[in-house]
Amino acid sequence: MVPKHIEKRLASAPKAMFLATDTRKLAEATVKVDEMKLAEKQQAVYDCILEYGPATNTEIAWYLGWAINRVVGRTFELREMGLVVPAGKRACRRTGMVAHTWTAK
């Protein structure tokens, strides 16, 4: 049961509720990542995506100095965990070909 004085505040400030919800979701996601204890390679790929923003697998491989086959599996695993989501398609900065990009959720 919500007290009446708080209920009035919530009714008069709906924008604050959306902001609070977004902040809460971000905090929950951060806690989930900390609890998951990502493997070393998964963490490296995730950190790379966080640092460089939306990136293709080839770009991530180049940033990390890895072969592409080390990256593709890690992005798949991170997508399965719900930490990485598709960010659309664009021309890859390394190959010039149209490719999927990934971003942290």
N, C-alpha and C. Protein backbone atom coordinates (compact mmCIF):
# COMPACT_ATOMS: atom_id res chain seq x y z
N MET A 1 0.84 -1.17 0.00
CA MET A 1 0.00 0.00 0.00
C MET A 1 0.90 1.24 0.00
N VAL A 2 0.67 2.13 -0.94
CA VAL A 2 1.44 3.36 -1.07
C VAL A 2 0.76 4.46 -0.27
N PRO A 3 1.49 5.17 0.60
CA PRO A 3 0.90 6.28 1.35
C PRO A 3 0.36 7.35 0.41
N LYS A 4 -0.70 8.05 0.84
CA LYS A 4 -1.37 9.02 -0.02
C LYS A 4 -0.46 10.17 -0.43
N HIS A 5 0.40 10.65 0.48
CA HIS A 5 1.28 11.76 0.12
C HIS A 5 2.29 11.36 -0.95
N ILE A 6 2.71 10.11 -0.95
CA ILE A 6 3.63 9.63 -1.99
C ILE A 6 2.86 9.38 -3.28
N GLU A 7 1.66 8.89 -3.16
CA GLU A 7 0.82 8.63 -4.33
C GLU A 7 0.58 9.93 -5.11
N LYS A 8 0.33 11.04 -4.39
CA LYS A 8 0.13 12.34 -5.05
C LYS A 8 1.39 12.78 -5.80
N ARG A 9 2.55 12.56 -5.19
CA ARG A 9 3.81 12.94 -5.83
C ARG A 9 4.04 12.13 -7.10
N LEU A 10 3.74 10.84 -7.04
CA LEU A 10 3.93 9.99 -8.20
C LEU A 10 3.00 10.39 -9.32
N ALA A 11 1.78 10.75 -8.98
CA ALA A 11 0.80 11.16 -9.99
C ALA A 11 1.20 12.47 -10.66
N SER A 12 1.84 13.37 -9.92
CA SER A 12 2.19 14.67 -10.47
C SER A 12 3.51 14.67 -11.23
N ALA A 13 4.28 13.61 -11.13
CA ALA A 13 5.59 13.56 -11.79
C ALA A 13 5.79 12.26 -12.55
N PRO A 14 5.01 12.04 -13.61
CA PRO A 14 5.15 10.78 -14.34
C PRO A 14 6.49 10.64 -15.05
N LYS A 15 7.10 11.75 -15.46
CA LYS A 15 8.40 11.68 -16.14
C LYS A 15 9.47 11.15 -15.21
N ALA A 16 9.38 11.51 -13.94
CA ALA A 16 10.35 11.03 -12.97
C ALA A 16 10.25 9.51 -12.82
N MET A 17 9.06 8.98 -12.94
CA MET A 17 8.87 7.52 -12.82
C MET A 17 9.61 6.80 -13.96
N PHE A 18 9.51 7.34 -15.19
CA PHE A 18 10.18 6.71 -16.31
C PHE A 18 11.70 6.75 -16.12
N LEU A 19 12.21 7.87 -15.65
CA LEU A 19 13.63 8.01 -15.40
C LEU A 19 14.08 7.05 -14.31
N ALA A 20 13.29 6.95 -13.25
CA ALA A 20 13.62 6.03 -12.16
C ALA A 20 13.61 4.59 -12.64
N THR A 21 12.65 4.25 -13.50
CA THR A 21 12.58 2.89 -14.04
C THR A 21 13.81 2.59 -14.88
N ASP A 22 14.21 3.53 -15.73
CA ASP A 22 15.40 3.33 -16.56
C ASP A 22 16.65 3.17 -15.70
N THR A 23 16.77 3.99 -14.67
CA THR A 23 17.91 3.90 -13.77
C THR A 23 17.94 2.57 -13.05
N ARG A 24 16.77 2.11 -12.63
CA ARG A 24 16.67 0.83 -11.94
C ARG A 24 17.08 -0.31 -12.87
N LYS A 25 16.62 -0.26 -14.12
CA LYS A 25 16.98 -1.30 -15.09
C LYS A 25 18.49 -1.33 -15.33
N LEU A 26 19.10 -0.16 -15.44
CA LEU A 26 20.55 -0.08 -15.64
C LEU A 26 21.29 -0.67 -14.45
N ALA A 27 20.84 -0.35 -13.24
CA ALA A 27 21.48 -0.88 -12.04
C ALA A 27 21.33 -2.41 -11.98
N GLU A 28 20.16 -2.92 -12.33
CA GLU A 28 19.94 -4.37 -12.33
C GLU A 28 20.84 -5.05 -13.35
N ALA A 29 21.00 -4.46 -14.53
CA ALA A 29 21.86 -5.03 -15.55
C ALA A 29 23.30 -5.07 -15.08
N THR A 30 23.75 -4.01 -14.41
CA THR A 30 25.11 -3.97 -13.90
C THR A 30 25.34 -5.06 -12.87
N VAL A 31 24.38 -5.25 -11.99
CA VAL A 31 24.49 -6.30 -10.98
C VAL A 31 24.52 -7.68 -11.64
N LYS A 32 23.68 -7.87 -12.65
CA LYS A 32 23.64 -9.16 -13.34
C LYS A 32 24.99 -9.48 -13.99
N VAL A 33 25.61 -8.48 -14.62
CA VAL A 33 26.91 -8.70 -15.25
C VAL A 33 27.94 -9.07 -14.19
N ASP A 34 27.91 -8.39 -13.06
CA ASP A 34 28.85 -8.70 -11.98
C ASP A 34 28.63 -10.10 -11.44
N GLU A 35 27.37 -10.53 -11.35
CA GLU A 35 27.05 -11.86 -10.82
C GLU A 35 27.40 -12.97 -11.80
N MET A 36 27.40 -12.68 -13.11
CA MET A 36 27.60 -13.72 -14.11
C MET A 36 29.03 -14.24 -14.13
N LYS A 37 29.96 -13.45 -13.72
CA LYS A 37 31.37 -13.85 -13.77
C LYS A 37 31.72 -14.33 -15.18
N LEU A 38 31.74 -13.40 -16.11
CA LEU A 38 32.05 -13.73 -17.49
C LEU A 38 33.45 -14.32 -17.60
N ALA A 39 33.61 -15.22 -18.57
CA ALA A 39 34.92 -15.79 -18.85
C ALA A 39 35.82 -14.67 -19.38
N GLU A 40 37.11 -14.90 -19.38
CA GLU A 40 38.09 -13.87 -19.76
C GLU A 40 37.85 -13.33 -21.17
N LYS A 41 37.63 -14.21 -22.14
CA LYS A 41 37.42 -13.77 -23.52
C LYS A 41 36.08 -13.06 -23.67
N GLN A 42 35.05 -13.58 -23.00
CA GLN A 42 33.74 -12.93 -23.04
C GLN A 42 33.84 -11.52 -22.47
N GLN A 43 34.54 -11.38 -21.36
CA GLN A 43 34.70 -10.07 -20.72
C GLN A 43 35.45 -9.11 -21.63
N ALA A 44 36.47 -9.61 -22.33
CA ALA A 44 37.24 -8.76 -23.24
C ALA A 44 36.36 -8.24 -24.38
N VAL A 45 35.54 -9.12 -24.96
CA VAL A 45 34.65 -8.71 -26.05
C VAL A 45 33.60 -7.74 -25.53
N TYR A 46 33.03 -8.03 -24.37
CA TYR A 46 32.01 -7.16 -23.78
C TYR A 46 32.60 -5.78 -23.48
N ASP A 47 33.78 -5.73 -22.91
CA ASP A 47 34.44 -4.45 -22.62
C ASP A 47 34.72 -3.67 -23.90
N CYS A 48 35.12 -4.37 -24.94
CA CYS A 48 35.40 -3.74 -26.22
C CYS A 48 34.13 -3.09 -26.79
N ILE A 49 33.01 -3.80 -26.71
CA ILE A 49 31.74 -3.27 -27.20
C ILE A 49 31.33 -2.06 -26.37
N LEU A 50 31.52 -2.13 -25.07
CA LEU A 50 31.19 -0.99 -24.20
C LEU A 50 32.05 0.22 -24.54
N GLU A 51 33.33 0.00 -24.78
CA GLU A 51 34.26 1.10 -25.02
C GLU A 51 34.07 1.74 -26.39
N TYR A 52 33.91 0.93 -27.44
CA TYR A 52 33.86 1.44 -28.80
C TYR A 52 32.45 1.62 -29.34
N GLY A 53 31.44 1.22 -28.58
CA GLY A 53 30.06 1.35 -29.04
C GLY A 53 29.72 0.28 -30.05
N PRO A 54 28.67 0.49 -30.83
CA PRO A 54 28.28 -0.54 -31.80
C PRO A 54 29.45 -0.89 -32.72
N ALA A 55 29.72 -2.18 -32.82
CA ALA A 55 30.86 -2.63 -33.63
C ALA A 55 30.54 -3.96 -34.29
N THR A 56 31.15 -4.20 -35.43
CA THR A 56 31.00 -5.50 -36.10
C THR A 56 31.99 -6.48 -35.47
N ASN A 57 31.80 -7.76 -35.77
CA ASN A 57 32.72 -8.77 -35.27
C ASN A 57 34.15 -8.52 -35.76
N THR A 58 34.28 -8.11 -37.03
CA THR A 58 35.60 -7.84 -37.59
C THR A 58 36.27 -6.67 -36.89
N GLU A 59 35.51 -5.62 -36.57
CA GLU A 59 36.07 -4.48 -35.86
C GLU A 59 36.51 -4.88 -34.45
N ILE A 60 35.69 -5.68 -33.79
CA ILE A 60 36.04 -6.14 -32.44
C ILE A 60 37.33 -6.96 -32.50
N ALA A 61 37.42 -7.85 -33.48
CA ALA A 61 38.63 -8.66 -33.65
C ALA A 61 39.85 -7.77 -33.86
N TRP A 62 39.70 -6.72 -34.67
CA TRP A 62 40.81 -5.82 -34.94
C TRP A 62 41.20 -5.05 -33.68
N TYR A 63 40.19 -4.53 -32.94
CA TYR A 63 40.48 -3.79 -31.70
C TYR A 63 41.25 -4.66 -30.70
N LEU A 64 40.87 -5.94 -30.61
CA LEU A 64 41.50 -6.85 -29.64
C LEU A 64 42.76 -7.52 -30.16
N GLY A 65 42.98 -7.44 -31.47
CA GLY A 65 44.14 -8.11 -32.06
C GLY A 65 43.95 -9.61 -32.13
N TRP A 66 42.71 -10.05 -32.27
CA TRP A 66 42.37 -11.48 -32.31
C TRP A 66 41.96 -11.88 -33.71
N ALA A 67 41.92 -13.20 -33.94
CA ALA A 67 41.35 -13.75 -35.15
C ALA A 67 39.83 -13.65 -35.04
N ILE A 68 39.15 -13.52 -36.17
CA ILE A 68 37.69 -13.36 -36.18
C ILE A 68 36.97 -14.53 -35.51
N ASN A 69 37.50 -15.74 -35.65
CA ASN A 69 36.82 -16.91 -35.08
C ASN A 69 36.82 -16.91 -33.55
N ARG A 70 37.70 -16.16 -32.93
CA ARG A 70 37.67 -16.02 -31.46
C ARG A 70 36.56 -15.08 -31.01
N VAL A 71 36.17 -14.15 -31.88
CA VAL A 71 35.19 -13.12 -31.53
C VAL A 71 33.75 -13.58 -31.79
N VAL A 72 33.52 -14.24 -32.92
CA VAL A 72 32.15 -14.61 -33.31
C VAL A 72 31.47 -15.46 -32.23
N GLY A 73 32.16 -16.43 -31.71
CA GLY A 73 31.59 -17.27 -30.66
C GLY A 73 31.29 -16.51 -29.39
N ARG A 74 32.17 -15.56 -29.05
CA ARG A 74 31.96 -14.78 -27.82
C ARG A 74 30.76 -13.84 -27.96
N THR A 75 30.58 -13.22 -29.14
CA THR A 75 29.42 -12.34 -29.32
C THR A 75 28.13 -13.17 -29.27
N PHE A 76 28.18 -14.38 -29.83
CA PHE A 76 27.01 -15.26 -29.76
C PHE A 76 26.68 -15.59 -28.31
N GLU A 77 27.68 -15.95 -27.53
CA GLU A 77 27.46 -16.28 -26.11
C GLU A 77 26.90 -15.08 -25.35
N LEU A 78 27.43 -13.90 -25.62
CA LEU A 78 26.95 -12.69 -24.95
C LEU A 78 25.52 -12.36 -25.36
N ARG A 79 25.17 -12.64 -26.62
CA ARG A 79 23.78 -12.45 -27.06
C ARG A 79 22.86 -13.44 -26.35
N GLU A 80 23.30 -14.67 -26.20
CA GLU A 80 22.51 -15.69 -25.50
C GLU A 80 22.28 -15.29 -24.04
N MET A 81 23.24 -14.63 -23.43
CA MET A 81 23.13 -14.18 -22.05
C MET A 81 22.27 -12.92 -21.92
N GLY A 82 22.00 -12.27 -23.05
CA GLY A 82 21.20 -11.06 -23.04
C GLY A 82 22.00 -9.80 -22.76
N LEU A 83 23.32 -9.87 -22.86
CA LEU A 83 24.16 -8.71 -22.59
C LEU A 83 24.46 -7.89 -23.84
N VAL A 84 24.36 -8.53 -25.00
CA VAL A 84 24.65 -7.86 -26.27
C VAL A 84 23.44 -8.04 -27.18
N VAL A 85 23.07 -6.96 -27.88
CA VAL A 85 21.93 -7.00 -28.79
C VAL A 85 22.35 -6.42 -30.14
N PRO A 86 21.64 -6.81 -31.21
CA PRO A 86 21.95 -6.24 -32.53
C PRO A 86 21.71 -4.73 -32.54
N ALA A 87 22.57 -4.01 -33.23
CA ALA A 87 22.44 -2.55 -33.32
C ALA A 87 22.22 -2.12 -34.77
N GLY A 88 21.82 -3.05 -35.62
CA GLY A 88 21.59 -2.73 -37.03
C GLY A 88 22.74 -3.15 -37.92
N LYS A 89 22.63 -2.76 -39.18
CA LYS A 89 23.67 -3.08 -40.16
C LYS A 89 24.28 -1.79 -40.68
N ARG A 90 25.55 -1.87 -40.99
CA ARG A 90 26.25 -0.74 -41.61
C ARG A 90 27.52 -1.26 -42.26
N ALA A 91 28.21 -0.40 -42.98
CA ALA A 91 29.47 -0.79 -43.60
C ALA A 91 30.53 -0.96 -42.51
N CYS A 92 31.21 -2.09 -42.53
CA CYS A 92 32.28 -2.35 -41.57
C CYS A 92 33.44 -1.41 -41.86
N ARG A 93 34.03 -0.85 -40.82
CA ARG A 93 35.14 0.08 -40.99
C ARG A 93 36.42 -0.63 -41.43
N ARG A 94 36.48 -1.93 -41.26
CA ARG A 94 37.68 -2.69 -41.62
C ARG A 94 37.57 -3.29 -43.02
N THR A 95 36.39 -3.83 -43.36
CA THR A 95 36.25 -4.54 -44.63
C THR A 95 35.49 -3.74 -45.69
N GLY A 96 34.66 -2.79 -45.25
CA GLY A 96 33.83 -2.03 -46.18
C GLY A 96 32.55 -2.75 -46.56
N MET A 97 32.40 -3.98 -46.12
CA MET A 97 31.20 -4.77 -46.42
C MET A 97 30.11 -4.46 -45.40
N VAL A 98 28.85 -4.61 -45.80
CA VAL A 98 27.73 -4.41 -44.88
C VAL A 98 27.71 -5.58 -43.90
N ALA A 99 27.64 -5.26 -42.60
CA ALA A 99 27.67 -6.29 -41.57
C ALA A 99 26.82 -5.88 -40.38
N HIS A 100 26.42 -6.87 -39.58
CA HIS A 100 25.69 -6.60 -38.34
C HIS A 100 26.61 -5.95 -37.33
N THR A 101 26.04 -5.04 -36.56
CA THR A 101 26.79 -4.44 -35.45
C THR A 101 26.15 -4.87 -34.14
N TRP A 102 26.95 -4.86 -33.10
CA TRP A 102 26.48 -5.29 -31.77
C TRP A 102 26.71 -4.19 -30.78
N THR A 103 25.78 -4.07 -29.84
CA THR A 103 25.92 -3.07 -28.79
C THR A 103 25.55 -3.70 -27.45
N ALA A 104 26.08 -3.14 -26.38
CA ALA A 104 25.77 -3.65 -25.04
C ALA A 104 24.36 -3.23 -24.67
N LYS A 105 23.65 -4.10 -24.03
CA LYS A 105 22.27 -3.84 -23.64
C LYS A 105 22.22 -2.98 -22.41
